[in-house]
C-alpha atoms as a PDB file:
ATOM      1  CA  MET A   1      22.908-121.339-131.383  1.00  0.00           C
ATOM      2  CA  PRO A   2      22.063-124.284-128.611  1.00  0.00           C
ATOM      3  CA  ASP A   3      22.186-127.536-128.920  1.00  0.00           C
ATOM      4  CA  ASN A   4      19.179-129.310-129.226  1.00  0.00           C
ATOM      5  CA  SER A   5      20.518-132.418-130.277  1.00  0.00           C
ATOM      6  CA  VAL A   6      20.097-133.779-127.107  1.00  0.00           C
ATOM      7  CA  PRO A   7      17.945-137.531-127.605  1.00  0.00           C
ATOM      8  CA  LEU A   8      14.198-137.863-126.058  1.00  0.00           C
ATOM      9  CA  PRO A   9      14.572-140.156-123.475  1.00  0.00           C
ATOM     10  CA  ASP A  10      13.217-144.450-123.663  1.00  0.00           C
ATOM     11  CA  PHE A  11      10.249-143.152-121.009  1.00  0.00           C
ATOM     12  CA  THR A  12       9.537-141.022-124.959  1.00  0.00           C
ATOM     13  CA  ARG A  13       8.427-144.242-126.100  1.00  0.00           C
ATOM     14  CA  TRP A  14       6.521-145.938-123.773  1.00  0.00           C
ATOM     15  CA  PRO A  15       2.754-145.883-124.225  1.00  0.00           C
ATOM     16  CA  SER A  16       1.793-144.183-121.795  1.00  0.00           C
ATOM     17  CA  PHE A  17       3.336-140.765-122.851  1.00  0.00           C
ATOM     18  CA  PRO A  18       0.797-138.926-123.949  1.00  0.00           C
ATOM     19  CA  PHE A  19       2.720-137.234-126.770  1.00  0.00           C
ATOM     20  CA  GLU A  20       3.719-138.335-129.980  1.00  0.00           C
ATOM     21  CA  GLY A  21       5.079-136.292-133.180  1.00  0.00           C
ATOM     22  CA  ASP A  22       8.123-134.880-133.605  1.00  0.00           C
ATOM     23  CA  MET A  23       9.250-133.032-130.274  1.00  0.00           C
ATOM     24  CA  ARG A  24      12.737-131.553-128.897  1.00  0.00           C
ATOM     25  CA  VAL A  25      14.273-131.643-125.790  1.00  0.00           C
ATOM     26  CA  LYS A  26      14.176-127.947-123.966  1.00  0.00           C
ATOM     27  CA  PRO A  27      17.271-126.041-123.751  1.00  0.00           C
ATOM     28  CA  LEU A  28      17.941-126.274-119.831  1.00  0.00           C
ATOM     29  CA  ALA A  29      18.112-122.704-117.861  1.00  0.00           C
ATOM     30  CA  ALA A  30      20.968-121.993-115.537  1.00  0.00           C
ATOM     31  CA  PRO A  31      20.509-122.450-111.864  1.00  0.00           C
ATOM     32  CA  VAL A  32      20.022-119.103-109.655  1.00  0.00           C
ATOM     33  CA  GLU A  33      21.400-118.395-106.444  1.00  0.00           C
ATOM     34  CA  VAL A  34      17.847-117.971-104.164  1.00  0.00           C
ATOM     35  CA  GLU A  35      15.181-119.631-105.270  1.00  0.00           C
ATOM     36  CA  PRO A  36      12.022-117.483-105.154  1.00  0.00           C
ATOM     37  CA  PRO A  37       9.771-118.108-101.710  1.00  0.00           C
ATOM     38  CA  ARG A  38       7.121-120.341-102.226  1.00  0.00           C
ATOM     39  CA  SER A  39       3.129-119.545-102.468  1.00  0.00           C
ATOM     40  CA  GLY A  40       2.265-119.500 -98.737  1.00  0.00           C
ATOM     41  CA  GLU A  41       5.687-118.966 -97.170  1.00  0.00           C
ATOM     42  CA  ASP A  42       4.228-116.521 -94.190  1.00  0.00           C
ATOM     43  CA  ALA A  43       1.674-118.134 -93.097  1.00  0.00           C
ATOM     44  CA  ALA A  44      -0.841-114.606 -92.913  1.00  0.00           C
ATOM     45  CA  GLU A  45      -0.453-114.472 -97.149  1.00  0.00           C
ATOM     46  CA  CYS A  46      -1.219-118.770 -97.611  1.00  0.00           C
ATOM     47  CA  VAL A  47      -4.909-119.522 -99.298  1.00  0.00           C
ATOM     48  CA  ALA A  48      -4.315-122.808 -97.953  1.00  0.00           C
ATOM     49  CA  CYS A  49      -5.251-121.861 -93.981  1.00  0.00           C
ATOM     50  CA  GLY A  50      -7.430-118.852 -94.742  1.00  0.00           C
ATOM     51  CA  THR A  51     -10.290-121.210 -96.890  1.00  0.00           C
ATOM     52  CA  SER A  52     -12.970-122.115 -95.483  1.00  0.00           C
ATOM     53  CA  ASP A  53     -14.038-124.881 -94.313  1.00  0.00           C
ATOM     54  CA  ASP A  54     -17.728-125.322 -96.181  1.00  0.00           C
ATOM     55  CA  SER A  55     -14.907-125.390 -98.840  1.00  0.00           C
ATOM     56  CA  TYR A  56     -13.498-128.736 -98.093  1.00  0.00           C
ATOM     57  CA  ILE A  57     -16.007-131.937 -99.159  1.00  0.00           C
ATOM     58  CA  TRP A  58     -14.618-133.356 -95.412  1.00  0.00           C
ATOM     59  CA  VAL A  59     -12.924-131.666 -91.724  1.00  0.00           C
ATOM     60  CA  SER A  60     -11.846-132.491 -88.549  1.00  0.00           C
ATOM     61  CA  GLU A  61      -9.418-131.799 -86.093  1.00  0.00           C
ATOM     62  CA  ARG A  62      -6.570-131.405 -87.866  1.00  0.00           C
ATOM     63  CA  TRP A  63      -7.530-132.049 -91.395  1.00  0.00           C
ATOM     64  CA  ARG A  64      -9.230-131.161 -94.428  1.00  0.00           C
ATOM     65  CA  VAL A  65      -9.470-133.362 -97.869  1.00  0.00           C
ATOM     66  CA  ARG A  66     -10.887-130.131-100.716  1.00  0.00           C
ATOM     67  CA  ALA A  67     -10.953-130.837-104.394  1.00  0.00           C
ATOM     68  CA  MET A  68     -10.770-129.630-107.211  1.00  0.00           C
ATOM     69  CA  ASP A  69     -13.162-125.967-107.987  1.00  0.00           C
ATOM     70  CA  ARG A  70     -15.060-128.375-111.245  1.00  0.00           C
ATOM     71  CA  PRO A  71     -14.561-132.056-112.837  1.00  0.00           C
ATOM     72  CA  THR A  72     -11.522-132.792-114.460  1.00  0.00           C
ATOM     73  CA  GLY A  73     -11.290-136.387-116.656  1.00  0.00           C
ATOM     74  CA  LEU A  74      -9.580-138.432-113.959  1.00  0.00           C
ATOM     75  CA  PRO A  75     -12.726-139.897-111.260  1.00  0.00           C
ATOM     76  CA  MET A  76     -11.577-138.927-108.790  1.00  0.00           C
ATOM     77  CA  VAL A  77      -8.243-136.029-107.524  1.00  0.00           C
ATOM     78  CA  LEU A  78      -8.093-134.928-103.234  1.00  0.00           C
ATOM     79  CA  ILE A  79      -5.767-133.743-101.660  1.00  0.00           C
ATOM     80  CA  LEU A  80      -5.143-134.149 -98.361  1.00  0.00           C
ATOM     81  CA  GLU A  81      -3.851-130.663 -96.403  1.00  0.00           C
ATOM     82  CA  CYS A  82      -3.420-130.983 -92.257  1.00  0.00           C
ATOM     83  CA  ARG A  83      -4.937-127.147 -90.260  1.00  0.00           C
ATOM     84  CA  SER A  84      -1.224-126.051 -88.708  1.00  0.00           C
ATOM     85  CA  HIS A  85       0.573-124.200 -91.262  1.00  0.00           C
ATOM     86  CA  LEU A  86       3.576-126.401 -91.358  1.00  0.00           C
ATOM     87  CA  ASP A  87       5.222-128.593 -94.608  1.00  0.00           C
ATOM     88  CA  LEU A  88       5.856-132.421 -94.393  1.00  0.00           C
ATOM     89  CA  GLY A  89      10.035-131.780 -92.858  1.00  0.00           C
ATOM     90  CA  ASP A  90       7.975-129.622 -90.002  1.00  0.00           C
ATOM     91  CA  LEU A  91       5.217-132.337 -88.821  1.00  0.00           C
ATOM     92  CA  PRO A  92       5.147-133.488 -84.875  1.00  0.00           C
ATOM     93  CA  ASN A  93       5.653-136.872 -84.561  1.00  0.00           C
ATOM     94  CA  LEU A  94       2.018-136.567 -83.799  1.00  0.00           C
ATOM     95  CA  LEU A  95       1.032-135.447 -87.350  1.00  0.00           C
ATOM     96  CA  ALA A  96       3.294-137.607 -88.910  1.00  0.00           C
ATOM     97  CA  ALA A  97       1.738-140.674 -87.339  1.00  0.00           C
ATOM     98  CA  GLU A  98      -1.865-138.751 -88.688  1.00  0.00           C
ATOM     99  CA  LEU A  99      -0.474-138.673 -92.489  1.00  0.00           C
ATOM    100  CA  GLY A 100       0.475-141.958 -92.738  1.00  0.00           C
ATOM    101  CA  VAL A 101      -2.685-143.041 -91.373  1.00  0.00           C
ATOM    102  CA  MET A 102      -5.068-139.820 -93.261  1.00  0.00           C
ATOM    103  CA  THR A 103      -2.428-141.129 -96.504  1.00  0.00           C
ATOM    104  CA  VAL A 104      -3.545-145.183 -96.182  1.00  0.00           C
ATOM    105  CA  ARG A 105      -7.769-144.757 -95.349  1.00  0.00           C
ATOM    106  CA  LEU A 106      -7.941-141.727 -98.434  1.00  0.00           C
ATOM    107  CA  GLU A 107      -6.406-143.935-100.546  1.00  0.00           C
ATOM    108  CA  ARG A 108      -8.759-146.726 -99.211  1.00  0.00           C
ATOM    109  CA  ALA A 109     -12.578-144.540 -99.747  1.00  0.00           C
ATOM    110  CA  ILE A 110     -10.754-143.690-103.051  1.00  0.00           C
ATOM    111  CA  ARG A 111     -10.329-146.723-104.430  1.00  0.00           C
ATOM    112  CA  SER A 112     -13.794-148.024-102.745  1.00  0.00           C
ATOM    113  CA  LEU A 113     -15.953-145.846-106.442  1.00  0.00           C
ATOM    114  CA  ASP A 114     -16.389-147.720-108.895  1.00  0.00           C
ATOM    115  CA  GLY A 115     -14.716-147.868-112.224  1.00  0.00           C
ATOM    116  CA  VAL A 116     -10.515-146.606-110.723  1.00  0.00           C
ATOM    117  CA  ALA A 117      -8.217-149.406-110.128  1.00  0.00           C
ATOM    118  CA  ARG A 118      -5.053-147.798-108.530  1.00  0.00           C
ATOM    119  CA  VAL A 119      -4.847-144.579-106.438  1.00  0.00           C
ATOM    120  CA  HIS A 120      -1.911-142.076-106.844  1.00  0.00           C
ATOM    121  CA  VAL A 121      -0.251-140.740-104.616  1.00  0.00           C
ATOM    122  CA  ASN A 122       2.117-137.440-104.641  1.00  0.00           C
ATOM    123  CA  ARG A 123       4.342-134.921-102.898  1.00  0.00           C
ATOM    124  CA  TRP A 124       5.979-132.929-104.903  1.00  0.00           C
ATOM    125  CA  GLY A 125       6.109-129.187-102.518  1.00  0.00           C
ATOM    126  CA  ASP A 126       7.404-126.576-105.194  1.00  0.00           C
ATOM    127  CA  GLY A 127       4.388-124.024-105.408  1.00  0.00           C
ATOM    128  CA  SER A 128       3.126-123.927-102.120  1.00  0.00           C
ATOM    129  CA  ALA A 129       4.917-123.804 -98.653  1.00  0.00           C
ATOM    130  CA  HIS A 130       1.245-125.439 -96.504  1.00  0.00           C
ATOM    131  CA  LEU A 131       1.779-129.539 -96.928  1.00  0.00           C
ATOM    132  CA  HIS A 132      -1.041-130.609 -99.135  1.00  0.00           C
ATOM    133  CA  LEU A 133      -0.650-134.384-100.784  1.00  0.00           C
ATOM    134  CA  TRP A 134      -1.970-135.350-104.654  1.00  0.00           C
ATOM    135  CA  PHE A 135      -4.063-138.408-104.456  1.00  0.00           C
ATOM    136  CA  LEU A 136      -5.326-139.371-108.489  1.00  0.00           C
ATOM    137  CA  ALA A 137      -7.312-142.007-109.190  1.00  0.00           C
ATOM    138  CA  ARG A 138      -6.760-143.768-112.598  1.00  0.00           C
ATOM    139  CA  PRO A 139      -9.847-146.097-114.073  1.00  0.00           C
ATOM    140  CA  TYR A 140      -9.883-149.011-114.101  1.00  0.00           C
ATOM    141  CA  GLY A 141      -8.741-151.134-117.122  1.00  0.00           C
ATOM    142  CA  ARG A 142      -7.020-147.638-118.388  1.00  0.00           C
ATOM    143  CA  LEU A 143      -3.116-149.313-118.535  1.00  0.00           C
ATOM    144  CA  GLN A 144      -1.824-146.481-120.734  1.00  0.00           C
ATOM    145  CA  LEU A 145      -2.627-144.880-118.008  1.00  0.00           C
ATOM    146  CA  ARG A 146      -0.571-146.722-115.619  1.00  0.00           C
ATOM    147  CA  GLY A 147       2.773-144.815-113.425  1.00  0.00           C
ATOM    148  CA  THR A 148       4.441-141.348-114.282  1.00  0.00           C
ATOM    149  CA  PHE A 149       2.074-139.582-116.457  1.00  0.00           C
ATOM    150  CA  LEU A 150      -0.722-139.551-114.873  1.00  0.00           C
ATOM    151  CA  SER A 151      -1.180-136.677-114.515  1.00  0.00           C
ATOM    152  CA  LEU A 152      -1.670-135.557-117.534  1.00  0.00           C
ATOM    153  CA  TRP A 153      -3.379-137.281-118.675  1.00  0.00           C
ATOM    154  CA  ASP A 154      -6.399-136.106-115.912  1.00  0.00           C
ATOM    155  CA  ASP A 155      -5.838-132.541-118.312  1.00  0.00           C
ATOM    156  CA  ILE A 156      -5.975-134.204-121.560  1.00  0.00           C
ATOM    157  CA  LEU A 157      -8.669-136.471-121.305  1.00  0.00           C
ATOM    158  CA  PRO A 158     -12.501-136.082-121.583  1.00  0.00           C
ATOM    159  CA  VAL A 159     -14.286-134.395-118.115  1.00  0.00           C
ATOM    160  CA  ILE A 160     -16.144-136.631-116.930  1.00  0.00           C
ATOM    161  CA  PRO A 161     -19.576-135.564-115.763  1.00  0.00           C
ATOM    162  CA  GLU A 162     -20.575-133.247-113.232  1.00  0.00           C
ATOM    163  CA  PRO A 163     -22.861-135.333-111.403  1.00  0.00           C
ATOM    164  CA  GLN A 164     -21.007-138.449-110.807  1.00  0.00           C
ATOM    165  CA  TRP A 165     -18.435-136.419-110.204  1.00  0.00           C
ATOM    166  CA  ARG A 166     -20.621-135.352-107.291  1.00  0.00           C
ATOM    167  CA  GLU A 167     -21.570-138.500-105.703  1.00  0.00           C
ATOM    168  CA  ASN A 168     -18.376-139.113-105.994  1.00  0.00           C
ATOM    169  CA  LEU A 169     -17.223-136.736-103.979  1.00  0.00           C
ATOM    170  CA  ALA A 170     -19.896-137.431-101.037  1.00  0.00           C
ATOM    171  CA  LEU A 171     -19.543-141.224-101.128  1.00  0.00           C
ATOM    172  CA  VAL A 172     -15.817-140.129-100.248  1.00  0.00           C
ATOM    173  CA  ALA A 173     -16.248-138.024 -97.913  1.00  0.00           C
ATOM    174  CA  ALA A 174     -18.797-140.033 -96.011  1.00  0.00           C
ATOM    175  CA  TRP A 175     -16.562-142.554 -95.279  1.00  0.00           C
ATOM    176  CA  LEU A 176     -13.788-140.486 -94.516  1.00  0.00           C
ATOM    177  CA  ALA A 177     -17.038-139.294 -91.826  1.00  0.00           C
ATOM    178  CA  GLY A 178     -17.343-142.927 -91.009  1.00  0.00           C
ATOM    179  CA  PHE A 179     -14.428-142.591 -89.043  1.00  0.00           C
ATOM    180  CA  GLY A 180     -14.777-138.982 -87.269  1.00  0.00           C
ATOM    181  CA  GLY A 181     -14.447-135.093 -88.513  1.00  0.00           C
ATOM    182  CA  GLN A 182     -17.177-134.113 -91.101  1.00  0.00           C
ATOM    183  CA  ALA A 183     -18.665-134.419 -93.862  1.00  0.00           C
ATOM    184  CA  ILE A 184     -18.907-131.571 -96.534  1.00  0.00           C
ATOM    185  CA  ALA A 185     -20.047-131.769-100.034  1.00  0.00           C
ATOM    186  CA  GLU A 186     -23.772-134.012-100.407  1.00  0.00           C
ATOM    187  CA  PRO A 187     -24.622-135.972-103.372  1.00  0.00           C
ATOM    188  CA  PRO A 188     -26.410-134.768-106.436  1.00  0.00           C
ATOM    189  CA  HIS A 189     -29.701-133.852-106.029  1.00  0.00           C
ATOM    190  CA  ILE A 190     -32.063-135.794-108.009  1.00  0.00           C
ATOM    191  CA  GLN A 191     -34.186-133.505-111.350  1.00  0.00           C
ATOM    192  CA  TRP A 192     -37.343-136.440-111.394  1.00  0.00           C
ATOM    193  CA  GLU A 193     -40.512-134.455-112.113  1.00  0.00           C
ATOM    194  CA  SER A 194     -43.821-136.039-111.362  1.00  0.00           C
ATOM    195  CA  PRO A 195     -45.993-136.977-115.180  1.00  0.00           C
ATOM    196  CA  SER A 196     -49.020-135.275-115.581  1.00  0.00           C
ATOM    197  CA  THR A 197     -50.834-138.850-116.545  1.00  0.00           C
ATOM    198  CA  ILE A 198     -51.073-141.867-115.079  1.00  0.00           C
ATOM    199  CA  ALA A 199     -51.657-144.844-117.860  1.00  0.00           C
ATOM    200  CA  TYR A 200     -53.859-147.565-117.253  1.00  0.00           C
ATOM    201  CA  SER A 201     -53.728-150.553-119.206  1.00  0.00           C
ATOM    202  CA  PRO A 202     -57.053-151.761-120.200  1.00  0.00           C
ATOM    203  CA  ASN A 203     -56.207-155.689-119.966  1.00  0.00           C
ATOM    204  CA  ALA A 204     -54.958-155.017-116.460  1.00  0.00           C
ATOM    205  CA  ASN A 205     -58.776-156.196-115.070  1.00  0.00           C
ATOM    206  CA  ALA A 206     -58.650-158.994-117.734  1.00  0.00           C
ATOM    207  CA  ASN A 207     -55.758-160.304-116.018  1.00  0.00           C
ATOM    208  CA  ALA A 208     -56.714-159.633-112.804  1.00  0.00           C
ATOM    209  CA  ASN A 209     -59.392-161.987-113.002  1.00  0.00           C
ATOM    210  CA  ALA A 210     -56.979-164.544-115.228  1.00  0.00           C
ATOM    211  CA  ASN A 211     -55.363-165.024-112.126  1.00  0.00           C
ATOM    212  CA  GLY A 212     -58.150-165.901-109.650  1.00  0.00           C
ATOM    213  CA  ASP A 213     -57.720-161.751-108.567  1.00  0.00           C
ATOM    214  CA  GLU A 214     -60.806-160.639-108.712  1.00  0.00           C
ATOM    215  CA  SER A 215     -61.999-158.942-105.916  1.00  0.00           C
ATOM    216  CA  PRO A 216     -65.723-158.313-105.072  1.00  0.00           C
ATOM    217  CA  THR A 217     -66.631-154.296-105.638  1.00  0.00           C
ATOM    218  CA  ALA A 218     -67.335-152.981-102.301  1.00  0.00           C
ATOM    219  CA  ASP A 219     -70.701-151.661-102.323  1.00  0.00           C
ATOM    220  CA  PRO A 220     -70.275-147.460-101.084  1.00  0.00           C
ATOM    221  CA  GLU A 221     -71.307-145.858 -98.472  1.00  0.00           C
ATOM    222  CA  PRO A 222     -74.504-145.414 -97.001  1.00  0.00           C
ATOM    223  CA  ASP A 223     -75.138-141.820 -97.356  1.00  0.00           C
ATOM    224  CA  ASP A 224     -75.218-140.203 -94.222  1.00  0.00           C
ATOM    225  CA  ARG A 225     -71.700-141.594 -93.565  1.00  0.00           C
ATOM    226  CA  ARG A 226     -70.051-139.969 -96.058  1.00  0.00           C
ATOM    227  CA  PRO A 227     -69.221-135.491 -96.065  1.00  0.00           C
ATOM    228  CA  GLU A 228     -71.468-134.203 -98.357  1.00  0.00           C
ATOM    229  CA  SER A 229     -69.540-130.730 -98.551  1.00  0.00           C
ATOM    230  CA  LEU A 230     -65.795-129.673 -98.576  1.00  0.00           C
ATOM    231  CA  GLY A 231     -67.314-127.910 -94.996  1.00  0.00           C
ATOM    232  CA  ASP A 232     -68.406-131.722 -92.613  1.00  0.00           C
ATOM    233  CA  ILE A 233     -64.771-132.605 -93.848  1.00  0.00           C
ATOM    234  CA  GLU A 234     -63.300-129.433 -91.646  1.00  0.00           C
ATOM    235  CA  THR A 235     -65.346-129.042 -89.261  1.00  0.00           C
ATOM    236  CA  ALA A 236     -64.737-132.774 -88.465  1.00  0.00           C
ATOM    237  CA  ASN A 237     -62.829-134.190 -85.315  1.00  0.00           C
ATOM    238  CA  PRO A 238     -60.011-136.587 -86.161  1.00  0.00           C
ATOM    239  CA  GLU A 239     -57.936-137.989 -83.931  1.00  0.00           C
ATOM    240  CA  PRO A 240     -54.053-136.832 -83.750  1.00  0.00           C
ATOM    241  CA  ALA A 241     -51.936-138.736 -85.330  1.00  0.00           C
ATOM    242  CA  PRO A 242     -48.759-139.539 -83.922  1.00  0.00           C
ATOM    243  CA  THR A 243     -46.022-138.322 -84.988  1.00  0.00           C
ATOM    244  CA  ILE A 244     -42.663-139.748 -85.796  1.00  0.00           C
ATOM    245  CA  ALA A 245     -41.054-139.094 -82.911  1.00  0.00           C
ATOM    246  CA  ALA A 246     -42.953-140.461 -80.523  1.00  0.00           C
ATOM    247  CA  GLU A 247     -43.860-143.488 -82.837  1.00  0.00           C
ATOM    248  CA  SER A 248     -39.175-143.946 -83.165  1.00  0.00           C
ATOM    249  CA  GLY A 249     -38.544-143.386 -79.537  1.00  0.00           C
ATOM    250  CA  ALA A 250     -36.116-141.288 -81.413  1.00  0.00           C
ATOM    251  CA  LEU A 251     -36.785-138.056 -78.504  1.00  0.00           C
ATOM    252  CA  ASP A 252     -35.949-141.091 -75.874  1.00  0.00           C
ATOM    253  CA  HIS A 253     -32.950-141.719 -77.573  1.00  0.00           C
ATOM    254  CA  PRO A 254     -30.802-139.001 -78.852  1.00  0.00           C
ATOM    255  CA  ALA A 255     -28.751-139.658 -81.161  1.00  0.00           C
ATOM    256  CA  ALA A 256     -24.405-140.019 -79.547  1.00  0.00           C
ATOM    257  CA  GLU A 257     -21.731-137.074 -80.940  1.00  0.00           C
ATOM    258  CA  PRO A 258     -20.220-138.468 -83.237  1.00  0.00           C
ATOM    259  CA  GLN A 259     -16.690-137.959 -81.481  1.00  0.00           C
ATOM    260  CA  ALA A 260     -14.098-136.138 -82.947  1.00  0.00           C
ATOM    261  CA  THR A 261     -10.826-138.179 -85.065  1.00  0.00           C
ATOM    262  CA  THR A 262      -8.254-137.340 -87.504  1.00  0.00           C
END
């Protein structure tokens, strides 16, 4: 019978540890002689390489950022990937230098969101062979989530509202696009309906008179200046209204195409 009397480590008593109650250490499995291949070791079967840009929130010439397929418990969970099918130790000097810049830039973008205190950056690499770094936002004030177990809490916390999640994605994408590349994520559409009726206050005129805002009532136009029917309106020849482009000069000054960066 295997010995399960190994004492529990001290971190099980930390406030940040998400579980309590009776626990025991799992038996340690025997080591294997040859490790199985990771997902996507062959570039032809790599999921990241075969995923189109529209599945990401931001893309550039050499880097892409994607989110989960639905909201989770943390304000933001993002993954940074390089376009090339490389692992961390395989990066050439150019991509290695850009990885540092992209890591700092994405951390700042996530930390700029409301309610985010810190951003954890993790790289494991045991599941997929294609380089990917995880960025997890810790909610402000949630001191119990500090440290090692933030990724576990993400699966435990109540899921954040989807409109808030989509807005956060759009904000991060826009931040990154300010330095180059293309923002794919868009903010959620506003769900708004106009009221069927407009209520007027019966005291509106009295209040206006009391404040000295009374305006003289305009005399109606003479009958000979007022169209008598809808046909009169349709056959009138009003002066053409200037277009927005003509007024703003937009056609004379086309927007400069943003330069691609990392």
